[in-house]
Amino acid sequence: MDKTASDCSVLLASFVGNVICCPQFASSLHIFQGQYSKKSNSLVLQNTTTADDCFSDIVEVLASKGANSSVPLMCSFKSSNLTGGSCPVKDISTFEKMVNTSKLLDACSVIDPLKECCRSVCQPAIMEAAFQISSSQSVVGENMDMGLSTHVDVLNDCKGVVYAWLSRKLPSEAADSSFRILSACKVNKVCPLEFKEPVEVIKACRNVAAPSPSCCSSLNSYIAGVQRQMLITNKQAIICASFLGSMLRKGGVLTDIYELCDVDLKDFSLQAYGEEGCLLRSLPADVVYDNSSGFSFDEMSLPALPTSATIYPGSKGFLLDLIIFIVVLFVVPLNDQL
């Protein structure tokens, strides 16, 4: 709970929600379910009243430790996440009869963070188990009460049940580590930033072939609005830069204005003191708090920097000349945030 409260602190939750806070909050809920199930034959909380009370208690305890009380809303979690929703299998005995639990445990007990996101082992094992129990018709009455849930909804609810079973079997620290790695694989597949149509940038940069003050000013102004949203990982930055590049190309900007205007991946993430962008590594560490310096992330990041032909389709040359190590020491003193 202390780790989750720190990762979802009042001051930083909105800035690290996508990559640190929400994954850790989700992991905590899974682990809570696993611990709760040790006292019964159920992998979920069996009624909505109990789920509501427990969920509320969890949020209150986290808030008392300094967490942002709006985390459930920000992370789109509800008390129903603790009930197994529309998944037809929620008890341990049925689960263990239907699922190859040895295979599931072997795949997810210890996860290699480098291999899992490229050649997944645990993720397909979880999906296979979820599919097996989602296909069960053993609890028809429950499904009728839930209404017409789509199979996707049922499958997602069953994945939560699988996570609960894993949390029951694994030590809390091992479960948390595994779940955080799985979350990192997921969040690094998409850009979490919101982009408005870059109308002014397109207008200023459409016919630019050489460095242009008006073009670069427009681009920098646009990116300044984007970078204030949140901290992102190195992999997310590549996707975000590529996405904006495709928007500009569709608008007729065929020159690599990232290179012309000296824009790099760090410019897409939150700026430290408004001067230097900070990229988290693909598997972000937890937030560390120190009474004297405030909150910090002490990480080494090695982004697989693409060529400009990849990140900015239709352009020539390289976006950056070298693949570099980025050592990030991002500190947000409390005084700067109050």
Protein backbone atom coordinates (compact mmCIF):
# COMPACT_ATOMS: atom_id res chain seq x y z
CA MET A 1 0.00 0.00 0.00
CA ASP A 2 2.88 2.36 0.76
CA LYS A 3 4.34 1.83 -2.70
CA THR A 4 0.98 2.45 -4.35
CA ALA A 5 0.40 5.60 -2.28
CA SER A 6 3.81 6.93 -3.28
CA ASP A 7 3.31 6.07 -6.95
CA CYS A 8 -0.10 7.77 -6.90
CA SER A 9 0.76 10.75 -4.72
CA VAL A 10 -1.47 13.82 -4.79
CA LEU A 11 1.16 15.92 -6.54
CA LEU A 12 2.28 13.46 -9.20
CA ALA A 13 -0.59 11.08 -9.94
CA SER A 14 -1.86 13.00 -12.96
CA PHE A 15 1.64 13.20 -14.46
CA VAL A 16 2.60 9.54 -14.00
CA GLY A 17 -0.84 7.95 -14.07
CA ASN A 18 -0.42 6.17 -17.38
CA VAL A 19 2.96 4.58 -16.76
CA ILE A 20 3.36 4.26 -12.98
CA CYS A 21 0.30 5.06 -10.86
CA CYS A 22 -2.46 3.16 -12.69
CA PRO A 23 -0.36 0.02 -13.27
CA GLN A 24 0.58 -0.03 -9.58
CA PHE A 25 -2.99 0.61 -8.45
CA ALA A 26 -4.22 -2.24 -10.67
CA SER A 27 -1.54 -4.52 -9.26
CA SER A 28 -2.61 -3.67 -5.72
CA LEU A 29 -6.22 -4.57 -6.48
CA HIS A 30 -5.18 -7.91 -7.97
CA ILE A 31 -3.02 -8.69 -4.95
CA PHE A 32 -5.84 -7.70 -2.59
CA GLN A 33 -8.16 -10.14 -4.39
CA GLY A 34 -5.58 -12.88 -4.12
CA GLN A 35 -5.10 -12.35 -0.39
CA TYR A 36 -8.85 -12.11 0.17
CA SER A 37 -9.44 -15.38 -1.68
CA LYS A 38 -7.18 -17.28 0.72
CA LYS A 39 -9.98 -17.13 3.27
CA SER A 40 -12.58 -18.66 0.97
CA ASN A 41 -13.11 -20.75 -2.17
CA SER A 42 -13.83 -17.64 -4.22
CA LEU A 43 -11.33 -15.70 -6.32
CA VAL A 44 -13.51 -12.58 -6.21
CA LEU A 45 -15.61 -10.61 -3.76
CA GLN A 46 -18.99 -12.28 -4.00
CA ASN A 47 -21.39 -9.38 -3.61
CA THR A 48 -21.43 -5.73 -4.61
CA THR A 49 -21.88 -4.42 -1.07
CA THR A 50 -18.68 -6.10 0.13
CA ALA A 51 -16.87 -4.98 -3.02
CA ASP A 52 -18.05 -1.38 -2.56
CA ASP A 53 -16.95 -1.32 1.08
CA CYS A 54 -13.55 -2.89 0.41
CA PHE A 55 -12.87 -0.68 -2.59
CA SER A 56 -13.78 2.41 -0.60
CA ASP A 57 -11.53 1.29 2.27
CA ILE A 58 -8.61 0.75 -0.11
CA VAL A 59 -8.99 4.23 -1.59
CA GLU A 60 -9.30 5.80 1.88
CA VAL A 61 -6.20 4.02 3.19
CA LEU A 62 -4.20 5.13 0.15
CA ALA A 63 -5.44 8.71 0.56
CA SER A 64 -4.41 8.66 4.22
CA LYS A 65 -0.90 7.76 3.04
CA GLY A 66 -0.75 10.66 0.59
CA ALA A 67 -2.32 9.20 -2.55
CA ASN A 68 -4.63 11.15 -4.82
CA SER A 69 -8.23 10.21 -3.95
CA SER A 70 -9.27 10.56 -7.60
CA VAL A 71 -7.06 7.66 -8.71
CA PRO A 72 -10.00 5.29 -9.33
CA LEU A 73 -11.56 7.79 -11.73
CA MET A 74 -8.25 8.62 -13.38
CA CYS A 75 -7.41 4.94 -13.84
CA SER A 76 -10.97 3.85 -14.72
CA PHE A 77 -11.27 1.36 -11.87
CA LYS A 78 -14.48 0.60 -9.98
CA SER A 79 -15.51 -1.67 -7.16
CA SER A 80 -16.95 -4.05 -9.76
CA ASN A 81 -13.37 -4.89 -10.73
CA LEU A 82 -13.21 -6.86 -7.50
CA THR A 83 -16.29 -8.99 -8.25
CA GLY A 84 -15.18 -10.76 -11.42
CA GLY A 85 -17.95 -9.04 -13.36
CA SER A 86 -19.49 -11.24 -16.05
CA CYS A 87 -16.87 -14.01 -15.88
CA PRO A 88 -18.74 -17.30 -15.36
CA VAL A 89 -16.00 -18.93 -13.27
CA LYS A 90 -15.13 -17.30 -9.97
CA ASP A 91 -14.45 -20.13 -7.54
CA ILE A 92 -11.06 -21.73 -7.05
CA SER A 93 -12.05 -25.37 -7.48
CA THR A 94 -13.74 -24.81 -10.87
CA PHE A 95 -10.90 -22.59 -12.02
CA GLU A 96 -8.27 -25.19 -11.19
CA LYS A 97 -10.24 -27.94 -12.91
CA MET A 98 -10.53 -25.98 -16.15
CA VAL A 99 -7.11 -24.33 -16.36
CA ASN A 100 -3.66 -25.84 -16.71
CA THR A 101 -2.48 -24.08 -13.56
CA SER A 102 1.04 -25.52 -13.67
CA LYS A 103 1.56 -24.03 -17.13
CA LEU A 104 0.11 -20.70 -16.01
CA LEU A 105 2.27 -20.54 -12.90
CA ASP A 106 5.43 -21.51 -14.79
CA ALA A 107 4.79 -18.79 -17.38
CA CYS A 108 4.09 -15.99 -14.92
CA SER A 109 6.07 -16.72 -11.73
CA VAL A 110 9.19 -14.98 -12.99
CA ILE A 111 8.93 -12.71 -16.04
CA ASP A 112 11.85 -11.50 -18.12
CA PRO A 113 11.08 -7.80 -18.72
CA LEU A 114 13.09 -7.75 -21.94
CA LYS A 115 11.60 -10.86 -23.51
CA GLU A 116 8.00 -10.59 -22.34
CA CYS A 117 7.14 -7.51 -24.37
CA CYS A 118 8.66 -8.97 -27.55
CA ARG A 119 8.11 -12.71 -27.29
CA SER A 120 5.42 -13.02 -24.68
CA VAL A 121 5.19 -16.02 -22.40
CA CYS A 122 3.00 -14.91 -19.51
CA GLN A 123 0.52 -12.81 -21.51
CA PRO A 124 -0.64 -15.64 -23.80
CA ALA A 125 -0.83 -17.98 -20.79
CA ILE A 126 -3.15 -15.53 -19.03
CA MET A 127 -5.22 -15.08 -22.17
CA GLU A 128 -5.49 -18.84 -22.66
CA ALA A 129 -6.68 -19.33 -19.08
CA ALA A 130 -9.14 -16.44 -19.40
CA PHE A 131 -10.51 -17.87 -22.63
CA GLN A 132 -10.96 -21.29 -21.06
CA ILE A 133 -12.99 -20.02 -18.13
CA SER A 134 -14.88 -17.43 -20.21
CA SER A 135 -16.22 -20.26 -22.38
CA SER A 136 -17.73 -22.03 -19.39
CA GLN A 137 -21.48 -22.16 -19.10
CA SER A 138 -21.39 -23.52 -15.56
CA VAL A 139 -22.86 -20.40 -14.01
CA VAL A 140 -25.72 -19.56 -16.34
CA GLY A 141 -27.70 -17.79 -13.66
CA GLU A 142 -24.95 -15.24 -13.04
CA ASN A 143 -24.60 -14.47 -16.73
CA MET A 144 -28.35 -13.92 -17.00
CA ASP A 145 -28.22 -11.44 -14.14
CA MET A 146 -25.38 -9.56 -15.82
CA GLY A 147 -27.41 -8.91 -18.96
CA LEU A 148 -26.01 -9.15 -22.46
CA SER A 149 -22.28 -8.79 -22.01
CA THR A 150 -20.13 -9.06 -25.08
CA HIS A 151 -17.57 -11.83 -25.20
CA VAL A 152 -14.83 -9.20 -25.03
CA ASP A 153 -16.24 -7.92 -21.73
CA VAL A 154 -16.48 -11.46 -20.38
CA LEU A 155 -12.92 -12.20 -21.48
CA ASN A 156 -11.60 -9.06 -19.78
CA ASP A 157 -13.46 -9.90 -16.57
CA CYS A 158 -12.02 -13.41 -16.70
CA LYS A 159 -8.52 -12.02 -17.10
CA GLY A 160 -9.09 -10.27 -13.77
CA VAL A 161 -10.00 -13.63 -12.24
CA VAL A 162 -6.79 -15.13 -13.63
CA TYR A 163 -4.79 -12.29 -12.09
CA ALA A 164 -6.51 -12.96 -8.77
CA TRP A 165 -5.53 -16.63 -8.91
CA LEU A 166 -1.92 -15.72 -9.67
CA SER A 167 -1.95 -13.26 -6.75
CA ARG A 168 -3.15 -16.07 -4.52
CA LYS A 169 -0.26 -18.33 -5.54
CA LEU A 170 2.63 -15.90 -5.84
CA PRO A 171 4.33 -13.92 -3.06
CA SER A 172 3.07 -10.33 -3.09
CA GLU A 173 6.37 -8.86 -4.28
CA ALA A 174 6.69 -11.41 -7.09
CA ALA A 175 3.10 -10.82 -8.19
CA ASP A 176 3.56 -7.06 -8.14
CA SER A 177 6.75 -7.31 -10.20
CA SER A 178 5.08 -9.55 -12.78
CA PHE A 179 1.98 -7.39 -13.07
CA ARG A 180 4.02 -4.21 -13.49
CA ILE A 181 6.02 -5.77 -16.32
CA LEU A 182 2.82 -6.87 -18.05
CA SER A 183 1.41 -3.35 -17.69
CA ALA A 184 4.58 -1.86 -19.15
CA CYS A 185 4.25 -4.09 -22.22
CA LYS A 186 0.73 -2.77 -22.70
CA VAL A 187 1.27 0.95 -22.14
CA ASN A 188 4.35 1.06 -24.36
CA LYS A 189 2.31 0.03 -27.39
CA VAL A 190 0.44 3.32 -27.64
CA CYS A 191 1.02 7.05 -27.29
CA PRO A 192 -0.94 8.35 -24.27
CA LEU A 193 -0.76 12.01 -25.34
CA GLU A 194 -3.62 13.91 -26.92
CA PHE A 195 -2.84 15.77 -30.13
CA LYS A 196 -4.95 18.58 -31.57
CA GLU A 197 -4.88 19.12 -35.29
CA PRO A 198 -1.56 20.95 -35.97
CA VAL A 199 -3.20 23.45 -38.31
CA GLU A 200 -0.82 26.34 -37.55
CA VAL A 201 2.25 24.11 -37.81
CA ILE A 202 1.13 22.80 -41.19
CA LYS A 203 0.46 26.34 -42.39
CA ALA A 204 3.90 27.58 -41.29
CA CYS A 205 5.91 24.52 -42.36
CA ARG A 206 4.27 23.10 -45.47
CA ASN A 207 6.76 24.54 -47.98
CA VAL A 208 9.84 24.72 -45.73
CA ALA A 209 13.05 23.14 -47.01
CA ALA A 210 15.55 24.90 -44.72
CA PRO A 211 15.49 26.08 -41.10
CA SER A 212 12.68 28.61 -40.73
CA PRO A 213 12.09 30.75 -37.61
CA SER A 214 8.33 30.91 -38.20
CA CYS A 215 8.05 27.15 -38.78
CA CYS A 216 10.16 26.22 -35.76
CA SER A 217 8.35 28.73 -33.57
CA SER A 218 5.01 27.23 -34.54
CA LEU A 219 6.24 23.66 -34.01
CA ASN A 220 7.83 24.46 -30.65
CA SER A 221 4.68 26.24 -29.50
CA TYR A 222 2.57 23.22 -30.47
CA ILE A 223 4.88 20.73 -28.74
CA ALA A 224 5.00 22.94 -25.62
CA GLY A 225 1.29 22.31 -25.21
CA VAL A 226 1.73 18.57 -25.68
CA GLN A 227 4.65 18.12 -23.31
CA ARG A 228 2.76 19.58 -20.35
CA GLN A 229 0.41 16.59 -20.27
CA MET A 230 2.50 13.90 -18.56
CA LEU A 231 5.73 11.98 -18.22
CA ILE A 232 6.05 9.26 -20.86
CA THR A 233 8.47 6.43 -21.55
CA ASN A 234 11.12 6.32 -24.25
CA LYS A 235 9.07 3.85 -26.30
CA GLN A 236 5.94 5.95 -25.99
CA ALA A 237 7.91 9.00 -27.14
CA ILE A 238 8.86 7.21 -30.35
CA ILE A 239 5.22 6.37 -31.04
CA CYS A 240 4.08 9.91 -30.17
CA ALA A 241 6.69 11.51 -32.40
CA SER A 242 5.76 9.15 -35.22
CA PHE A 243 2.06 9.93 -34.78
CA LEU A 244 2.57 13.68 -34.94
CA GLY A 245 4.88 13.19 -37.92
CA SER A 246 2.13 11.32 -39.76
CA MET A 247 -0.36 14.11 -39.00
CA LEU A 248 2.03 16.69 -40.42
CA ARG A 249 2.74 14.58 -43.47
CA LYS A 250 -0.97 14.21 -44.18
CA GLY A 251 -1.19 17.99 -44.02
CA GLY A 252 1.48 18.32 -46.69
CA VAL A 253 4.60 18.86 -44.56
CA LEU A 254 7.08 16.54 -46.24
CA THR A 255 10.31 17.98 -44.86
CA ASP A 256 11.75 16.56 -41.63
CA ILE A 257 11.02 19.60 -39.49
CA TYR A 258 12.02 17.69 -36.35
CA GLU A 259 15.60 17.77 -37.61
CA LEU A 260 15.35 21.31 -38.93
CA CYS A 261 13.97 22.62 -35.66
CA ASP A 262 16.14 20.46 -33.37
CA VAL A 263 13.23 18.55 -31.83
CA ASP A 264 14.03 15.23 -30.15
CA LEU A 265 12.16 12.55 -28.24
CA LYS A 266 12.56 14.22 -24.85
CA ASP A 267 10.56 17.19 -26.09
CA PHE A 268 7.40 15.07 -26.06
CA SER A 269 7.57 14.44 -22.30
CA LEU A 270 7.10 16.65 -19.26
CA GLN A 271 9.91 19.14 -18.78
CA ALA A 272 11.99 19.37 -15.60
CA TYR A 273 11.83 22.97 -14.41
CA GLY A 274 10.55 23.83 -17.89
CA GLU A 275 13.99 23.36 -19.40
CA GLU A 276 14.77 19.70 -20.11
CA GLY A 277 12.48 16.87 -21.11
CA CYS A 278 12.42 13.71 -19.03
CA LEU A 279 11.87 10.28 -20.50
CA LEU A 280 11.12 7.33 -18.27
CA ARG A 281 12.56 3.99 -19.27
CA SER A 282 10.22 1.45 -20.82
CA LEU A 283 9.76 -0.24 -17.44
CA PRO A 284 9.46 2.77 -15.11
CA ALA A 285 10.70 2.52 -11.56
CA ASP A 286 8.51 3.51 -8.64
CA VAL A 287 8.32 7.06 -7.38
CA VAL A 288 10.84 7.81 -4.63
CA TYR A 289 10.16 10.49 -2.05
CA ASP A 290 12.79 12.26 -0.01
CA ASN A 291 11.98 14.90 2.61
CA SER A 292 14.71 17.23 1.38
CA SER A 293 14.54 16.85 -2.40
CA GLY A 294 10.93 15.78 -2.98
CA PHE A 295 9.84 13.20 -5.56
CA SER A 296 12.31 11.64 -7.94
CA PHE A 297 12.87 9.03 -10.61
CA ASP A 298 16.47 7.89 -10.92
CA GLU A 299 16.63 5.91 -14.14
CA MET A 300 18.75 5.10 -17.14
CA SER A 301 16.93 5.06 -20.44
CA LEU A 302 18.08 3.71 -23.78
CA PRO A 303 15.49 4.61 -26.39
CA ALA A 304 15.74 2.76 -29.67
CA LEU A 305 15.91 5.99 -31.61
CA PRO A 306 14.57 5.53 -35.14
CA THR A 307 15.66 7.24 -38.29
CA SER A 308 13.63 10.19 -39.48
CA ALA A 309 12.33 8.01 -42.30
CA THR A 310 10.65 5.90 -39.60
CA ILE A 311 9.57 8.61 -37.19
CA TYR A 312 8.74 11.15 -39.86
CA PRO A 313 7.59 9.30 -42.99
CA GLY A 314 8.51 10.83 -46.30
CA SER A 315 11.53 12.78 -45.08
CA LYS A 316 15.22 12.33 -45.74
CA GLY A 317 18.13 11.88 -43.40
CA PHE A 318 18.24 10.97 -39.74
CA LEU A 319 16.19 12.53 -36.97
CA LEU A 320 19.12 12.13 -34.61
CA ASP A 321 22.69 11.25 -35.49
CA LEU A 322 23.35 8.85 -32.62
CA ILE A 323 21.61 6.44 -30.30
CA ILE A 324 22.46 7.83 -26.90
CA PHE A 325 22.08 6.85 -23.29
CA ILE A 326 19.75 9.22 -21.50
CA VAL A 327 20.34 9.33 -17.80
CA VAL A 328 17.28 10.87 -16.22
CA LEU A 329 17.27 12.32 -12.75
CA PHE A 330 13.91 14.02 -12.52
CA VAL A 331 13.16 15.81 -9.30
CA VAL A 332 10.04 17.75 -8.44
CA PRO A 333 10.53 19.52 -5.11
CA LEU A 334 7.40 19.96 -3.08
CA ASN A 335 7.89 23.73 -2.98
CA ASP A 336 7.63 23.95 -6.76
CA GLN A 337 4.26 22.25 -6.72
CA LEU A 338 2.55 24.02 -3.83
